C-alpha atoms as a PDB file:
ATOM      1  CA  UNK A   1      48.610 -16.832  18.172  1.00  0.00           C
ATOM      2  CA  UNK A   2      46.947 -19.772  16.440  1.00  0.00           C
ATOM      3  CA  UNK A   3      50.058 -21.974  16.660  1.00  0.00           C
ATOM      4  CA  UNK A   4      50.486 -21.157  20.362  1.00  0.00           C
ATOM      5  CA  UNK A   5      46.886 -22.208  21.018  1.00  0.00           C
ATOM      6  CA  UNK A   6      47.373 -25.394  18.978  1.00  0.00           C
ATOM      7  CA  UNK A   7      50.514 -26.226  20.986  1.00  0.00           C
ATOM      8  CA  UNK A   8      48.616 -25.766  24.281  1.00  0.00           C
ATOM      9  CA  UNK A   9      45.840 -28.058  23.057  1.00  0.00           C
ATOM     10  CA  UNK A  10      48.367 -30.691  21.993  1.00  0.00           C
ATOM     11  CA  UNK A  11      50.087 -30.580  25.403  1.00  0.00           C
ATOM     12  CA  UNK A  12      46.707 -30.740  27.160  1.00  0.00           C
ATOM     13  CA  UNK A  13      45.772 -33.897  25.251  1.00  0.00           C
ATOM     14  CA  UNK A  14      49.160 -35.471  25.998  1.00  0.00           C
ATOM     15  CA  UNK A  15      48.981 -34.643  29.717  1.00  0.00           C
ATOM     16  CA  UNK A  16      45.478 -36.114  29.966  1.00  0.00           C
ATOM     17  CA  UNK A  17      46.631 -39.239  28.109  1.00  0.00           C
ATOM     18  CA  UNK A  18      49.592 -39.662  30.482  1.00  0.00           C
ATOM     19  CA  UNK A  19      47.398 -39.313  33.586  1.00  0.00           C
ATOM     20  CA  UNK A  20      44.788 -41.725  32.234  1.00  0.00           C
ATOM     21  CA  UNK A  21      47.538 -44.215  31.397  1.00  0.00           C
ATOM     22  CA  UNK A  22      48.876 -43.836  34.952  1.00  0.00           C
ATOM     23  CA  UNK A  23      45.390 -44.548  36.370  1.00  0.00           C
ATOM     24  CA  UNK A  24      45.203 -47.737  34.289  1.00  0.00           C
ATOM     25  CA  UNK A  25      48.726 -48.825  35.281  1.00  0.00           C
ATOM     26  CA  UNK A  26      48.023 -48.169  38.974  1.00  0.00           C
ATOM     27  CA  UNK A  27      44.819 -50.232  38.768  1.00  0.00           C
ATOM     28  CA  UNK A  28      46.618 -53.046  36.980  1.00  0.00           C
ATOM     29  CA  UNK A  29      49.468 -53.137  39.502  1.00  0.00           C
ATOM     30  CA  UNK A  30      47.484 -52.647  42.707  1.00  0.00           C
ATOM     31  CA  UNK A  31      44.210 -54.358  41.816  1.00  0.00           C
ATOM     32  CA  UNK A  32      42.197 -51.252  42.681  1.00  0.00           C
ATOM     33  CA  UNK A  33      41.696 -47.746  41.368  1.00  0.00           C
ATOM     34  CA  UNK A  34      43.656 -44.858  42.903  1.00  0.00           C
ATOM     35  CA  UNK A  35      41.786 -42.647  45.360  1.00  0.00           C
ATOM     36  CA  UNK A  36      43.178 -39.406  43.926  1.00  0.00           C
ATOM     37  CA  UNK A  37      45.653 -37.943  41.479  1.00  0.00           C
ATOM     38  CA  UNK A  38      48.025 -37.548  44.435  1.00  0.00           C
ATOM     39  CA  UNK A  39      47.996 -41.357  44.797  1.00  0.00           C
ATOM     40  CA  UNK A  40      49.581 -41.554  41.348  1.00  0.00           C
ATOM     41  CA  UNK A  41      52.412 -39.267  42.433  1.00  0.00           C
ATOM     42  CA  UNK A  42      52.906 -41.014  45.789  1.00  0.00           C
ATOM     43  CA  UNK A  43      53.009 -44.367  43.986  1.00  0.00           C
ATOM     44  CA  UNK A  44      55.541 -42.982  41.492  1.00  0.00           C
ATOM     45  CA  UNK A  45      53.198 -43.430  38.512  1.00  0.00           C
ATOM     46  CA  UNK A  46      53.663 -39.703  37.834  1.00  0.00           C
ATOM     47  CA  UNK A  47      56.712 -37.664  38.837  1.00  0.00           C
ATOM     48  CA  UNK A  48      54.681 -34.539  39.449  1.00  0.00           C
ATOM     49  CA  UNK A  49      51.241 -33.158  38.767  1.00  0.00           C
ATOM     50  CA  UNK A  50      51.097 -32.134  35.102  1.00  0.00           C
ATOM     51  CA  UNK A  51      50.113 -28.564  34.297  1.00  0.00           C
ATOM     52  CA  UNK A  52      46.967 -27.821  32.327  1.00  0.00           C
ATOM     53  CA  UNK A  53      48.529 -25.550  29.678  1.00  0.00           C
ATOM     54  CA  UNK A  54      45.233 -23.800  28.932  1.00  0.00           C
ATOM     55  CA  UNK A  55      44.808 -22.753  32.580  1.00  0.00           C
ATOM     56  CA  UNK A  56      48.547 -22.677  33.298  1.00  0.00           C
ATOM     57  CA  UNK A  57      47.840 -24.490  36.579  1.00  0.00           C
ATOM     58  CA  UNK A  58      48.353 -28.024  37.864  1.00  0.00           C
ATOM     59  CA  UNK A  59      44.636 -28.390  38.630  1.00  0.00           C
ATOM     60  CA  UNK A  60      42.346 -31.049  37.198  1.00  0.00           C
ATOM     61  CA  UNK A  61      38.833 -32.398  37.623  1.00  0.00           C
ATOM     62  CA  UNK A  62      38.995 -35.834  39.202  1.00  0.00           C
ATOM     63  CA  UNK A  63      36.158 -38.070  38.033  1.00  0.00           C
ATOM     64  CA  UNK A  64      35.300 -40.668  40.663  1.00  0.00           C
ATOM     65  CA  UNK A  65      33.244 -43.775  40.020  1.00  0.00           C
ATOM     66  CA  UNK A  66      32.626 -47.338  41.052  1.00  0.00           C
ATOM     67  CA  UNK A  67      35.790 -49.420  41.080  1.00  0.00           C
ATOM     68  CA  UNK A  68      35.109 -52.485  38.892  1.00  0.00           C
ATOM     69  CA  UNK A  69      38.043 -54.234  40.580  1.00  0.00           C
ATOM     70  CA  UNK A  70      36.484 -53.872  44.039  1.00  0.00           C
ATOM     71  CA  UNK A  71      34.277 -56.623  45.436  1.00  0.00           C
ATOM     72  CA  UNK A  72      32.420 -54.250  47.797  1.00  0.00           C
ATOM     73  CA  UNK A  73      31.548 -51.454  45.369  1.00  0.00           C
ATOM     74  CA  UNK A  74      34.226 -48.995  46.468  1.00  0.00           C
ATOM     75  CA  UNK A  75      34.851 -45.771  44.578  1.00  0.00           C
ATOM     76  CA  UNK A  76      38.042 -44.776  42.822  1.00  0.00           C
ATOM     77  CA  UNK A  77      39.503 -42.358  40.311  1.00  0.00           C
ATOM     78  CA  UNK A  78      38.205 -43.394  36.883  1.00  0.00           C
ATOM     79  CA  UNK A  79      39.081 -40.361  34.764  1.00  0.00           C
ATOM     80  CA  UNK A  80      40.606 -36.902  34.767  1.00  0.00           C
ATOM     81  CA  UNK A  81      39.439 -33.840  32.831  1.00  0.00           C
ATOM     82  CA  UNK A  82      40.508 -30.279  32.208  1.00  0.00           C
ATOM     83  CA  UNK A  83      38.927 -27.520  34.273  1.00  0.00           C
ATOM     84  CA  UNK A  84      39.532 -25.041  31.437  1.00  0.00           C
ATOM     85  CA  UNK A  85      36.511 -23.297  30.002  1.00  0.00           C
ATOM     86  CA  UNK A  86      36.121 -22.706  26.305  1.00  0.00           C
ATOM     87  CA  UNK A  87      36.659 -24.717  23.168  1.00  0.00           C
ATOM     88  CA  UNK A  88      39.511 -25.671  20.888  1.00  0.00           C
ATOM     89  CA  UNK A  89      39.932 -24.648  17.249  1.00  0.00           C
ATOM     90  CA  UNK A  90      37.514 -27.419  16.211  1.00  0.00           C
ATOM     91  CA  UNK A  91      34.818 -26.277  18.653  1.00  0.00           C
ATOM     92  CA  UNK A  92      35.336 -29.143  21.106  1.00  0.00           C
ATOM     93  CA  UNK A  93      35.155 -28.169  24.783  1.00  0.00           C
ATOM     94  CA  UNK A  94      38.409 -28.639  26.685  1.00  0.00           C
ATOM     95  CA  UNK A  95      36.418 -30.423  29.390  1.00  0.00           C
ATOM     96  CA  UNK A  96      35.468 -33.081  26.809  1.00  0.00           C
ATOM     97  CA  UNK A  97      39.029 -34.088  25.941  1.00  0.00           C
END
């Protein structure tokens, strides 16, 4: 049971890292932040929406914020977080990954 939970947490961290890397790559290539996670798939920065292994769903919290690359203060996707409730083995909330 413990190793299964550890594996899910490891996959969750990796999926979040991949999506955050895709946000950065999109911004670097296009000169603006993506408007949604779907923009990353449409732009081929991700093949498909990763699954949150804790929830077993491809659902994520999109964190929007001011686009530092925009001259008129537009908003864009700045981060992505897990919607899973609870904490990992170290007591860290999944939503804080």
